[in-house]
Amino acid sequence: MVSAVSSTNSTAAASSAGSVTTAADMQNQFLTLLVAQLQNQDPLNPVDNAQMTSQMAQISTVSGIEKLNDTVQSVTSQFSMMQMLQGTNMIGRTVLTEGNTLAGLGDNKYTAAFDLSGPAANAKVQITTAAGELVDTIDLGTADAGRNYFSWDGTGYQGDTSQLRFSVQATNGNQSVSSTTLSPQTVISASTANGNLMLELGNGASMAYSSVKAVY
Protein backbone atom coordinates (compact mmCIF):
# COMPACT_ATOMS: atom_id res chain seq x y z
CA MET A 1 0.00 0.00 0.00
CA VAL A 2 2.84 2.35 0.80
CA SER A 3 4.43 1.76 -2.63
CA ALA A 4 1.09 2.55 -4.31
CA VAL A 5 0.88 5.90 -2.53
CA SER A 6 4.47 6.62 -3.52
CA SER A 7 3.73 5.84 -7.18
CA THR A 8 0.63 8.03 -7.19
CA ASN A 9 2.42 10.98 -5.57
CA SER A 10 5.41 10.62 -7.89
CA THR A 11 3.16 10.54 -10.94
CA ALA A 12 1.24 13.64 -9.80
CA ALA A 13 4.47 15.44 -9.04
CA ALA A 14 5.91 14.59 -12.45
CA SER A 15 2.75 15.74 -14.19
CA SER A 16 2.74 19.01 -12.25
CA ALA A 17 6.46 19.60 -12.95
CA GLY A 18 5.76 19.78 -16.67
CA SER A 19 3.55 22.86 -16.22
CA VAL A 20 5.88 24.91 -13.99
CA THR A 21 6.21 28.40 -15.47
CA THR A 22 6.67 30.87 -12.61
CA ALA A 23 8.35 31.08 -9.24
CA ALA A 24 4.94 30.59 -7.60
CA ASP A 25 4.40 27.40 -9.61
CA MET A 26 7.86 26.20 -8.63
CA GLN A 27 7.15 26.96 -4.98
CA ASN A 28 3.86 25.01 -5.10
CA GLN A 29 5.58 22.14 -6.90
CA PHE A 30 8.34 22.10 -4.30
CA LEU A 31 5.84 21.91 -1.44
CA THR A 32 4.00 19.07 -3.21
CA LEU A 33 7.22 17.14 -3.66
CA LEU A 34 8.26 17.87 -0.07
CA VAL A 35 4.97 16.52 1.32
CA ALA A 36 5.26 13.42 -0.87
CA GLN A 37 8.84 12.94 0.28
CA LEU A 38 7.88 13.23 3.96
CA GLN A 39 4.91 10.87 3.54
CA ASN A 40 7.02 8.20 1.89
CA GLN A 41 10.35 8.58 3.66
CA ASP A 42 12.03 5.57 5.23
CA PRO A 43 11.41 5.77 9.01
CA LEU A 44 14.85 4.26 9.54
CA ASN A 45 16.49 6.83 7.26
CA PRO A 46 14.49 10.09 7.51
CA VAL A 47 15.14 13.16 5.36
CA ASP A 48 18.13 15.16 6.58
CA ASN A 49 17.07 18.49 8.15
CA ALA A 50 20.02 20.36 6.68
CA GLN A 51 19.17 19.13 3.17
CA MET A 52 15.52 20.12 3.60
CA THR A 53 16.52 23.59 4.84
CA SER A 54 18.84 24.02 1.84
CA GLN A 55 16.05 23.09 -0.59
CA MET A 56 13.64 25.55 1.04
CA ALA A 57 16.27 28.31 0.87
CA GLN A 58 16.76 27.64 -2.86
CA ILE A 59 13.07 27.92 -3.67
CA SER A 60 12.86 31.12 -1.62
CA THR A 61 15.77 32.53 -3.62
CA VAL A 62 14.00 31.78 -6.92
CA SER A 63 10.85 33.49 -5.65
CA GLY A 64 12.88 36.48 -4.46
CA ILE A 65 14.62 36.84 -7.84
CA GLU A 66 11.29 36.95 -9.66
CA LYS A 67 10.02 39.65 -7.30
CA LEU A 68 13.27 41.58 -7.82
CA ASN A 69 12.84 41.38 -11.59
CA ASP A 70 9.32 42.75 -11.28
CA THR A 71 10.64 45.62 -9.16
CA VAL A 72 13.42 46.40 -11.64
CA GLN A 73 10.94 46.47 -14.52
CA SER A 74 8.72 48.85 -12.57
CA VAL A 75 11.64 51.15 -11.76
CA THR A 76 12.79 51.08 -15.40
CA SER A 77 9.32 52.07 -16.57
CA GLN A 78 9.16 54.94 -14.07
CA PHE A 79 12.65 56.10 -15.10
CA SER A 80 11.56 56.16 -18.76
CA MET A 81 8.57 58.32 -17.84
CA MET A 82 10.86 60.68 -15.90
CA GLN A 83 13.13 60.92 -18.95
CA MET A 84 10.18 61.89 -21.13
CA LEU A 85 9.16 64.56 -18.62
CA GLN A 86 12.72 65.88 -18.64
CA GLY A 87 12.63 65.86 -22.44
CA THR A 88 9.45 67.94 -22.64
CA ASN A 89 11.17 70.58 -20.49
CA MET A 90 13.88 70.78 -23.16
CA ILE A 91 11.50 71.66 -26.00
CA GLY A 92 12.12 75.22 -27.17
CA ARG A 93 15.48 75.41 -25.42
CA THR A 94 18.81 75.86 -27.21
CA VAL A 95 21.50 73.22 -26.79
CA LEU A 96 25.12 73.11 -27.85
CA THR A 97 26.13 70.04 -29.79
CA GLU A 98 29.16 69.15 -31.86
CA GLY A 99 28.82 70.74 -35.29
CA ASN A 100 29.97 73.64 -37.44
CA THR A 101 26.81 75.56 -38.34
CA LEU A 102 25.80 79.02 -37.10
CA ALA A 103 22.69 80.06 -35.17
CA GLY A 104 20.83 83.27 -35.94
CA LEU A 105 20.40 85.93 -33.27
CA GLY A 106 18.31 88.31 -35.40
CA ASP A 107 19.31 91.46 -37.29
CA ASN A 108 21.79 89.42 -39.38
CA LYS A 109 23.79 88.45 -36.29
CA TYR A 110 24.96 84.87 -35.86
CA THR A 111 26.69 82.91 -33.13
CA ALA A 112 28.34 79.59 -32.32
CA ALA A 113 31.02 78.24 -29.98
CA PHE A 114 34.08 76.03 -29.77
CA ASP A 115 36.15 74.24 -27.15
CA LEU A 116 39.92 74.61 -27.00
CA SER A 117 42.20 71.95 -25.55
CA GLY A 118 44.48 74.69 -24.16
CA PRO A 119 45.00 78.47 -24.16
CA ALA A 120 45.71 80.13 -27.50
CA ALA A 121 47.68 83.31 -28.17
CA ASN A 122 46.06 83.63 -31.56
CA ALA A 123 42.61 82.29 -32.47
CA LYS A 124 40.48 82.99 -35.50
CA VAL A 125 37.20 81.75 -36.91
CA GLN A 126 36.69 81.33 -40.63
CA ILE A 127 33.16 81.52 -42.04
CA THR A 128 32.74 79.55 -45.26
CA THR A 129 30.03 78.31 -47.57
CA ALA A 130 29.07 74.65 -47.54
CA ALA A 131 31.39 74.23 -50.53
CA GLY A 132 34.33 75.68 -48.55
CA GLU A 133 34.44 79.16 -50.12
CA LEU A 134 35.76 81.71 -47.61
CA VAL A 135 33.15 84.31 -46.63
CA ASP A 136 34.75 86.08 -43.68
CA THR A 137 37.43 85.73 -41.01
CA ILE A 138 36.95 86.72 -37.38
CA ASP A 139 40.18 87.47 -35.51
CA LEU A 140 39.54 86.68 -31.85
CA GLY A 141 43.10 87.28 -30.57
CA THR A 142 43.78 85.35 -27.38
CA ALA A 143 41.39 82.64 -26.26
CA ASP A 144 41.15 80.61 -23.07
CA ALA A 145 41.17 76.86 -22.77
CA GLY A 146 37.69 75.39 -22.67
CA ARG A 147 34.47 76.96 -23.94
CA ASN A 148 34.61 80.05 -26.17
CA TYR A 149 31.70 81.84 -27.85
CA PHE A 150 31.81 84.21 -30.82
CA SER A 151 29.36 86.25 -32.88
CA TRP A 152 29.42 87.27 -36.52
CA ASP A 153 27.74 90.14 -38.36
CA GLY A 154 26.44 88.81 -41.64
CA THR A 155 24.87 92.04 -42.86
CA GLY A 156 27.06 92.19 -45.95
CA TYR A 157 26.49 88.57 -46.97
CA GLN A 158 23.88 88.08 -49.69
CA GLY A 159 23.91 84.28 -49.87
CA ASP A 160 21.98 81.60 -47.97
CA THR A 161 23.17 81.89 -44.38
CA SER A 162 21.65 78.51 -43.46
CA GLN A 163 24.38 76.90 -45.58
CA LEU A 164 27.27 78.68 -43.86
CA ARG A 165 29.88 76.73 -41.90
CA PHE A 166 32.74 77.73 -39.62
CA SER A 167 36.13 76.39 -38.60
CA VAL A 168 38.63 77.41 -35.92
CA GLN A 169 42.38 77.88 -36.19
CA ALA A 170 44.19 78.39 -32.89
CA THR A 171 47.89 78.53 -32.11
CA ASN A 172 50.07 79.17 -29.09
CA GLY A 173 53.48 80.20 -30.38
CA ASN A 174 54.50 77.58 -32.91
CA GLN A 175 52.12 75.00 -31.48
CA SER A 176 48.61 74.48 -32.82
CA VAL A 177 45.80 74.13 -30.29
CA SER A 178 43.13 71.56 -31.09
CA SER A 179 39.51 72.67 -31.09
CA THR A 180 36.01 71.20 -31.20
CA THR A 181 33.36 73.25 -33.02
CA LEU A 182 29.94 73.52 -31.37
CA SER A 183 26.62 74.50 -32.91
CA PRO A 184 23.61 75.96 -31.10
CA GLN A 185 20.43 74.12 -32.03
CA THR A 186 16.81 74.48 -30.94
CA VAL A 187 15.08 71.40 -29.48
CA ILE A 188 11.73 70.78 -31.17
CA SER A 189 10.73 67.42 -29.67
CA ALA A 190 11.89 64.62 -27.39
CA SER A 191 11.58 60.83 -27.38
CA THR A 192 13.15 57.74 -25.82
CA ALA A 193 14.99 54.96 -27.63
CA ASN A 194 16.58 51.91 -25.99
CA GLY A 195 16.29 53.59 -22.60
CA ASN A 196 18.00 56.80 -23.78
CA LEU A 197 16.46 60.26 -23.97
CA MET A 198 16.70 61.55 -27.55
CA LEU A 199 16.29 65.17 -28.67
CA GLU A 200 15.03 66.17 -32.12
CA LEU A 201 16.73 69.39 -33.25
CA GLY A 202 15.63 72.22 -35.48
CA ASN A 203 18.12 71.21 -38.18
CA GLY A 204 16.46 67.79 -38.51
CA ALA A 205 19.15 65.91 -36.60
CA SER A 206 18.55 63.64 -33.62
CA MET A 207 20.95 63.40 -30.69
CA ALA A 208 21.18 61.67 -27.33
CA TYR A 209 20.68 63.93 -24.33
CA SER A 210 24.00 62.69 -22.98
CA SER A 211 25.74 64.39 -25.94
CA VAL A 212 24.49 67.87 -25.00
CA LYS A 213 27.38 70.19 -24.17
CA ALA A 214 25.30 73.06 -22.75
CA VAL A 215 21.70 74.22 -22.42
CA TYR A 216 20.47 77.83 -22.45
C-alpha atoms as a PDB file:
ATOM      1  CA  MET A   1       0.000   0.000   0.000  1.00  0.00           C
ATOM      2  CA  VAL A   2       2.841   2.352   0.800  1.00  0.00           C
ATOM      3  CA  SER A   3       4.426   1.763  -2.628  1.00  0.00           C
ATOM      4  CA  ALA A   4       1.094   2.553  -4.311  1.00  0.00           C
ATOM      5  CA  VAL A   5       0.882   5.900  -2.534  1.00  0.00           C
ATOM      6  CA  SER A   6       4.470   6.619  -3.519  1.00  0.00           C
ATOM      7  CA  SER A   7       3.732   5.841  -7.178  1.00  0.00           C
ATOM      8  CA  THR A   8       0.629   8.026  -7.191  1.00  0.00           C
ATOM      9  CA  ASN A   9       2.416  10.979  -5.568  1.00  0.00           C
ATOM     10  CA  SER A  10       5.415  10.618  -7.892  1.00  0.00           C
ATOM     11  CA  THR A  11       3.160  10.544 -10.943  1.00  0.00           C
ATOM     12  CA  ALA A  12       1.241  13.637  -9.796  1.00  0.00           C
ATOM     13  CA  ALA A  13       4.465  15.438  -9.043  1.00  0.00           C
ATOM     14  CA  ALA A  14       5.910  14.586 -12.448  1.00  0.00           C
ATOM     15  CA  SER A  15       2.750  15.741 -14.186  1.00  0.00           C
ATOM     16  CA  SER A  16       2.738  19.005 -12.255  1.00  0.00           C
ATOM     17  CA  ALA A  17       6.458  19.604 -12.947  1.00  0.00           C
ATOM     18  CA  GLY A  18       5.760  19.782 -16.668  1.00  0.00           C
ATOM     19  CA  SER A  19       3.554  22.855 -16.222  1.00  0.00           C
ATOM     20  CA  VAL A  20       5.875  24.914 -13.986  1.00  0.00           C
ATOM     21  CA  THR A  21       6.208  28.398 -15.473  1.00  0.00           C
ATOM     22  CA  THR A  22       6.671  30.875 -12.613  1.00  0.00           C
ATOM     23  CA  ALA A  23       8.346  31.078  -9.238  1.00  0.00           C
ATOM     24  CA  ALA A  24       4.943  30.593  -7.605  1.00  0.00           C
ATOM     25  CA  ASP A  25       4.405  27.404  -9.611  1.00  0.00           C
ATOM     26  CA  MET A  26       7.862  26.201  -8.626  1.00  0.00           C
ATOM     27  CA  GLN A  27       7.148  26.962  -4.984  1.00  0.00           C
ATOM     28  CA  ASN A  28       3.858  25.006  -5.097  1.00  0.00           C
ATOM     29  CA  GLN A  29       5.581  22.135  -6.900  1.00  0.00           C
ATOM     30  CA  PHE A  30       8.341  22.100  -4.297  1.00  0.00           C
ATOM     31  CA  LEU A  31       5.844  21.909  -1.444  1.00  0.00           C
ATOM     32  CA  THR A  32       3.997  19.069  -3.215  1.00  0.00           C
ATOM     33  CA  LEU A  33       7.224  17.137  -3.656  1.00  0.00           C
ATOM     34  CA  LEU A  34       8.259  17.867  -0.067  1.00  0.00           C
ATOM     35  CA  VAL A  35       4.971  16.519   1.320  1.00  0.00           C
ATOM     36  CA  ALA A  36       5.262  13.422  -0.868  1.00  0.00           C
ATOM     37  CA  GLN A  37       8.837  12.937   0.283  1.00  0.00           C
ATOM     38  CA  LEU A  38       7.879  13.226   3.955  1.00  0.00           C
ATOM     39  CA  GLN A  39       4.913  10.875   3.538  1.00  0.00           C
ATOM     40  CA  ASN A  40       7.025   8.205   1.890  1.00  0.00           C
ATOM     41  CA  GLN A  41      10.355   8.584   3.660  1.00  0.00           C
ATOM     42  CA  ASP A  42      12.026   5.575   5.230  1.00  0.00           C
ATOM     43  CA  PRO A  43      11.411   5.769   9.013  1.00  0.00           C
ATOM     44  CA  LEU A  44      14.849   4.258   9.538  1.00  0.00           C
ATOM     45  CA  ASN A  45      16.488   6.827   7.259  1.00  0.00           C
ATOM     46  CA  PRO A  46      14.493  10.086   7.507  1.00  0.00           C
ATOM     47  CA  VAL A  47      15.139  13.160   5.360  1.00  0.00           C
ATOM     48  CA  ASP A  48      18.133  15.162   6.583  1.00  0.00           C
ATOM     49  CA  ASN A  49      17.066  18.487   8.151  1.00  0.00           C
ATOM     50  CA  ALA A  50      20.025  20.364   6.680  1.00  0.00           C
ATOM     51  CA  GLN A  51      19.173  19.131   3.173  1.00  0.00           C
ATOM     52  CA  MET A  52      15.524  20.120   3.603  1.00  0.00           C
ATOM     53  CA  THR A  53      16.523  23.588   4.843  1.00  0.00           C
ATOM     54  CA  SER A  54      18.841  24.020   1.836  1.00  0.00           C
ATOM     55  CA  GLN A  55      16.045  23.090  -0.588  1.00  0.00           C
ATOM     56  CA  MET A  56      13.645  25.549   1.045  1.00  0.00           C
ATOM     57  CA  ALA A  57      16.269  28.307   0.867  1.00  0.00           C
ATOM     58  CA  GLN A  58      16.765  27.637  -2.858  1.00  0.00           C
ATOM     59  CA  ILE A  59      13.074  27.915  -3.666  1.00  0.00           C
ATOM     60  CA  SER A  60      12.859  31.117  -1.618  1.00  0.00           C
ATOM     61  CA  THR A  61      15.767  32.529  -3.618  1.00  0.00           C
ATOM     62  CA  VAL A  62      14.004  31.784  -6.915  1.00  0.00           C
ATOM     63  CA  SER A  63      10.849  33.490  -5.651  1.00  0.00           C
ATOM     64  CA  GLY A  64      12.876  36.478  -4.463  1.00  0.00           C
ATOM     65  CA  ILE A  65      14.623  36.840  -7.840  1.00  0.00           C
ATOM     66  CA  GLU A  66      11.285  36.949  -9.660  1.00  0.00           C
ATOM     67  CA  LYS A  67      10.015  39.655  -7.302  1.00  0.00           C
ATOM     68  CA  LEU A  68      13.267  41.578  -7.817  1.00  0.00           C
ATOM     69  CA  ASN A  69      12.844  41.377 -11.591  1.00  0.00           C
ATOM     70  CA  ASP A  70       9.320  42.749 -11.280  1.00  0.00           C
ATOM     71  CA  THR A  71      10.645  45.622  -9.155  1.00  0.00           C
ATOM     72  CA  VAL A  72      13.423  46.400 -11.637  1.00  0.00           C
ATOM     73  CA  GLN A  73      10.940  46.466 -14.523  1.00  0.00           C
ATOM     74  CA  SER A  74       8.721  48.847 -12.569  1.00  0.00           C
ATOM     75  CA  VAL A  75      11.644  51.150 -11.758  1.00  0.00           C
ATOM     76  CA  THR A  76      12.794  51.078 -15.399  1.00  0.00           C
ATOM     77  CA  SER A  77       9.316  52.067 -16.574  1.00  0.00           C
ATOM     78  CA  GLN A  78       9.162  54.937 -14.073  1.00  0.00           C
ATOM     79  CA  PHE A  79      12.651  56.095 -15.104  1.00  0.00           C
ATOM     80  CA  SER A  80      11.561  56.155 -18.757  1.00  0.00           C
ATOM     81  CA  MET A  81       8.567  58.321 -17.836  1.00  0.00           C
ATOM     82  CA  MET A  82      10.859  60.681 -15.902  1.00  0.00           C
ATOM     83  CA  GLN A  83      13.126  60.924 -18.947  1.00  0.00           C
ATOM     84  CA  MET A  84      10.184  61.892 -21.131  1.00  0.00           C
ATOM     85  CA  LEU A  85       9.157  64.561 -18.616  1.00  0.00           C
ATOM     86  CA  GLN A  86      12.719  65.878 -18.644  1.00  0.00           C
ATOM     87  CA  GLY A  87      12.630  65.860 -22.439  1.00  0.00           C
ATOM     88  CA  THR A  88       9.452  67.941 -22.640  1.00  0.00           C
ATOM     89  CA  ASN A  89      11.170  70.583 -20.495  1.00  0.00           C
ATOM     90  CA  MET A  90      13.884  70.780 -23.162  1.00  0.00           C
ATOM     91  CA  ILE A  91      11.497  71.660 -26.004  1.00  0.00           C
ATOM     92  CA  GLY A  92      12.124  75.223 -27.174  1.00  0.00           C
ATOM     93  CA  ARG A  93      15.476  75.414 -25.417  1.00  0.00           C
ATOM     94  CA  THR A  94      18.812  75.862 -27.211  1.00  0.00           C
ATOM     95  CA  VAL A  95      21.500  73.223 -26.793  1.00  0.00           C
ATOM     96  CA  LEU A  96      25.124  73.110 -27.850  1.00  0.00           C
ATOM     97  CA  THR A  97      26.133  70.042 -29.790  1.00  0.00           C
ATOM     98  CA  GLU A  98      29.165  69.148 -31.865  1.00  0.00           C
ATOM     99  CA  GLY A  99      28.817  70.742 -35.293  1.00  0.00           C
ATOM    100  CA  ASN A 100      29.968  73.636 -37.444  1.00  0.00           C
ATOM    101  CA  THR A 101      26.806  75.562 -38.342  1.00  0.00           C
ATOM    102  CA  LEU A 102      25.797  79.017 -37.104  1.00  0.00           C
ATOM    103  CA  ALA A 103      22.689  80.057 -35.165  1.00  0.00           C
ATOM    104  CA  GLY A 104      20.826  83.267 -35.944  1.00  0.00           C
ATOM    105  CA  LEU A 105      20.403  85.928 -33.271  1.00  0.00           C
ATOM    106  CA  GLY A 106      18.307  88.305 -35.397  1.00  0.00           C
ATOM    107  CA  ASP A 107      19.315  91.462 -37.290  1.00  0.00           C
ATOM    108  CA  ASN A 108      21.786  89.424 -39.381  1.00  0.00           C
ATOM    109  CA  LYS A 109      23.787  88.455 -36.293  1.00  0.00           C
ATOM    110  CA  TYR A 110      24.961  84.868 -35.856  1.00  0.00           C
ATOM    111  CA  THR A 111      26.693  82.906 -33.126  1.00  0.00           C
ATOM    112  CA  ALA A 112      28.339  79.591 -32.318  1.00  0.00           C
ATOM    113  CA  ALA A 113      31.017  78.244 -29.981  1.00  0.00           C
ATOM    114  CA  PHE A 114      34.078  76.031 -29.767  1.00  0.00           C
ATOM    115  CA  ASP A 115      36.147  74.236 -27.148  1.00  0.00           C
ATOM    116  CA  LEU A 116      39.925  74.614 -27.002  1.00  0.00           C
ATOM    117  CA  SER A 117      42.199  71.946 -25.552  1.00  0.00           C
ATOM    118  CA  GLY A 118      44.481  74.686 -24.164  1.00  0.00           C
ATOM    119  CA  PRO A 119      44.999  78.466 -24.155  1.00  0.00           C
ATOM    120  CA  ALA A 120      45.709  80.129 -27.500  1.00  0.00           C
ATOM    121  CA  ALA A 121      47.680  83.310 -28.169  1.00  0.00           C
ATOM    122  CA  ASN A 122      46.060  83.630 -31.559  1.00  0.00           C
ATOM    123  CA  ALA A 123      42.614  82.286 -32.472  1.00  0.00           C
ATOM    124  CA  LYS A 124      40.476  82.993 -35.498  1.00  0.00           C
ATOM    125  CA  VAL A 125      37.203  81.754 -36.909  1.00  0.00           C
ATOM    126  CA  GLN A 126      36.688  81.329 -40.628  1.00  0.00           C
ATOM    127  CA  ILE A 127      33.159  81.519 -42.039  1.00  0.00           C
ATOM    128  CA  THR A 128      32.737  79.547 -45.256  1.00  0.00           C
ATOM    129  CA  THR A 129      30.032  78.313 -47.571  1.00  0.00           C
ATOM    130  CA  ALA A 130      29.072  74.647 -47.540  1.00  0.00           C
ATOM    131  CA  ALA A 131      31.393  74.232 -50.532  1.00  0.00           C
ATOM    132  CA  GLY A 132      34.328  75.678 -48.552  1.00  0.00           C
ATOM    133  CA  GLU A 133      34.445  79.161 -50.119  1.00  0.00           C
ATOM    134  CA  LEU A 134      35.757  81.708 -47.607  1.00  0.00           C
ATOM    135  CA  VAL A 135      33.148  84.311 -46.629  1.00  0.00           C
ATOM    136  CA  ASP A 136      34.749  86.082 -43.677  1.00  0.00           C
ATOM    137  CA  THR A 137      37.435  85.728 -41.011  1.00  0.00           C
ATOM    138  CA  ILE A 138      36.949  86.723 -37.379  1.00  0.00           C
ATOM    139  CA  ASP A 139      40.184  87.466 -35.514  1.00  0.00           C
ATOM    140  CA  LEU A 140      39.542  86.683 -31.845  1.00  0.00           C
ATOM    141  CA  GLY A 141      43.096  87.283 -30.574  1.00  0.00           C
ATOM    142  CA  THR A 142      43.779  85.349 -27.383  1.00  0.00           C
ATOM    143  CA  ALA A 143      41.390  82.639 -26.263  1.00  0.00           C
ATOM    144  CA  ASP A 144      41.150  80.612 -23.071  1.00  0.00           C
ATOM    145  CA  ALA A 145      41.168  76.864 -22.773  1.00  0.00           C
ATOM    146  CA  GLY A 146      37.693  75.388 -22.671  1.00  0.00           C
ATOM    147  CA  ARG A 147      34.468  76.958 -23.937  1.00  0.00           C
ATOM    148  CA  ASN A 148      34.612  80.052 -26.169  1.00  0.00           C
ATOM    149  CA  TYR A 149      31.699  81.835 -27.851  1.00  0.00           C
ATOM    150  CA  PHE A 150      31.809  84.207 -30.816  1.00  0.00           C
ATOM    151  CA  SER A 151      29.358  86.249 -32.877  1.00  0.00           C
ATOM    152  CA  TRP A 152      29.417  87.269 -36.524  1.00  0.00           C
ATOM    153  CA  ASP A 153      27.738  90.142 -38.362  1.00  0.00           C
ATOM    154  CA  GLY A 154      26.436  88.806 -41.638  1.00  0.00           C
ATOM    155  CA  THR A 155      24.868  92.036 -42.859  1.00  0.00           C
ATOM    156  CA  GLY A 156      27.058  92.192 -45.948  1.00  0.00           C
ATOM    157  CA  TYR A 157      26.494  88.570 -46.967  1.00  0.00           C
ATOM    158  CA  GLN A 158      23.884  88.077 -49.687  1.00  0.00           C
ATOM    159  CA  GLY A 159      23.908  84.278 -49.871  1.00  0.00           C
ATOM    160  CA  ASP A 160      21.984  81.597 -47.971  1.00  0.00           C
ATOM    161  CA  THR A 161      23.172  81.895 -44.376  1.00  0.00           C
ATOM    162  CA  SER A 162      21.653  78.514 -43.455  1.00  0.00           C
ATOM    163  CA  GLN A 163      24.383  76.905 -45.583  1.00  0.00           C
ATOM    164  CA  LEU A 164      27.274  78.678 -43.862  1.00  0.00           C
ATOM    165  CA  ARG A 165      29.881  76.732 -41.896  1.00  0.00           C
ATOM    166  CA  PHE A 166      32.738  77.727 -39.621  1.00  0.00           C
ATOM    167  CA  SER A 167      36.127  76.393 -38.595  1.00  0.00           C
ATOM    168  CA  VAL A 168      38.629  77.408 -35.916  1.00  0.00           C
ATOM    169  CA  GLN A 169      42.378  77.881 -36.190  1.00  0.00           C
ATOM    170  CA  ALA A 170      44.186  78.392 -32.887  1.00  0.00           C
ATOM    171  CA  THR A 171      47.893  78.525 -32.108  1.00  0.00           C
ATOM    172  CA  ASN A 172      50.070  79.171 -29.087  1.00  0.00           C
ATOM    173  CA  GLY A 173      53.479  80.197 -30.377  1.00  0.00           C
ATOM    174  CA  ASN A 174      54.505  77.583 -32.914  1.00  0.00           C
ATOM    175  CA  GLN A 175      52.122  74.995 -31.483  1.00  0.00           C
ATOM    176  CA  SER A 176      48.612  74.484 -32.824  1.00  0.00           C
ATOM    177  CA  VAL A 177      45.797  74.131 -30.287  1.00  0.00           C
ATOM    178  CA  SER A 178      43.130  71.558 -31.093  1.00  0.00           C
ATOM    179  CA  SER A 179      39.506  72.671 -31.088  1.00  0.00           C
ATOM    180  CA  THR A 180      36.007  71.201 -31.198  1.00  0.00           C
ATOM    181  CA  THR A 181      33.363  73.249 -33.016  1.00  0.00           C
ATOM    182  CA  LEU A 182      29.938  73.517 -31.370  1.00  0.00           C
ATOM    183  CA  SER A 183      26.619  74.498 -32.913  1.00  0.00           C
ATOM    184  CA  PRO A 184      23.612  75.965 -31.095  1.00  0.00           C
ATOM    185  CA  GLN A 185      20.427  74.120 -32.035  1.00  0.00           C
ATOM    186  CA  THR A 186      16.813  74.476 -30.936  1.00  0.00           C
ATOM    187  CA  VAL A 187      15.081  71.400 -29.480  1.00  0.00           C
ATOM    188  CA  ILE A 188      11.732  70.778 -31.168  1.00  0.00           C
ATOM    189  CA  SER A 189      10.728  67.416 -29.665  1.00  0.00           C
ATOM    190  CA  ALA A 190      11.894  64.618 -27.386  1.00  0.00           C
ATOM    191  CA  SER A 191      11.578  60.832 -27.381  1.00  0.00           C
ATOM    192  CA  THR A 192      13.148  57.740 -25.819  1.00  0.00           C
ATOM    193  CA  ALA A 193      14.987  54.956 -27.633  1.00  0.00           C
ATOM    194  CA  ASN A 194      16.579  51.911 -25.991  1.00  0.00           C
ATOM    195  CA  GLY A 195      16.288  53.591 -22.595  1.00  0.00           C
ATOM    196  CA  ASN A 196      17.996  56.798 -23.781  1.00  0.00           C
ATOM    197  CA  LEU A 197      16.461  60.264 -23.970  1.00  0.00           C
ATOM    198  CA  MET A 198      16.696  61.547 -27.552  1.00  0.00           C
ATOM    199  CA  LEU A 199      16.290  65.165 -28.675  1.00  0.00           C
ATOM    200  CA  GLU A 200      15.035  66.172 -32.115  1.00  0.00           C
ATOM    201  CA  LEU A 201      16.730  69.386 -33.250  1.00  0.00           C
ATOM    202  CA  GLY A 202      15.626  72.220 -35.485  1.00  0.00           C
ATOM    203  CA  ASN A 203      18.121  71.212 -38.181  1.00  0.00           C
ATOM    204  CA  GLY A 204      16.455  67.791 -38.514  1.00  0.00           C
ATOM    205  CA  ALA A 205      19.147  65.913 -36.598  1.00  0.00           C
ATOM    206  CA  SER A 206      18.546  63.638 -33.615  1.00  0.00           C
ATOM    207  CA  MET A 207      20.950  63.400 -30.691  1.00  0.00           C
ATOM    208  CA  ALA A 208      21.181  61.674 -27.332  1.00  0.00           C
ATOM    209  CA  TYR A 209      20.677  63.935 -24.331  1.00  0.00           C
ATOM    210  CA  SER A 210      24.003  62.691 -22.980  1.00  0.00           C
ATOM    211  CA  SER A 211      25.736  64.390 -25.938  1.00  0.00           C
ATOM    212  CA  VAL A 212      24.491  67.872 -25.004  1.00  0.00           C
ATOM    213  CA  LYS A 213      27.377  70.195 -24.169  1.00  0.00           C
ATOM    214  CA  ALA A 214      25.305  73.063 -22.745  1.00  0.00           C
ATOM    215  CA  VAL A 215      21.701  74.221 -22.420  1.00  0.00           C
ATOM    216  CA  TYR A 216      20.466  77.827 -22.448  1.00  0.00           C
END
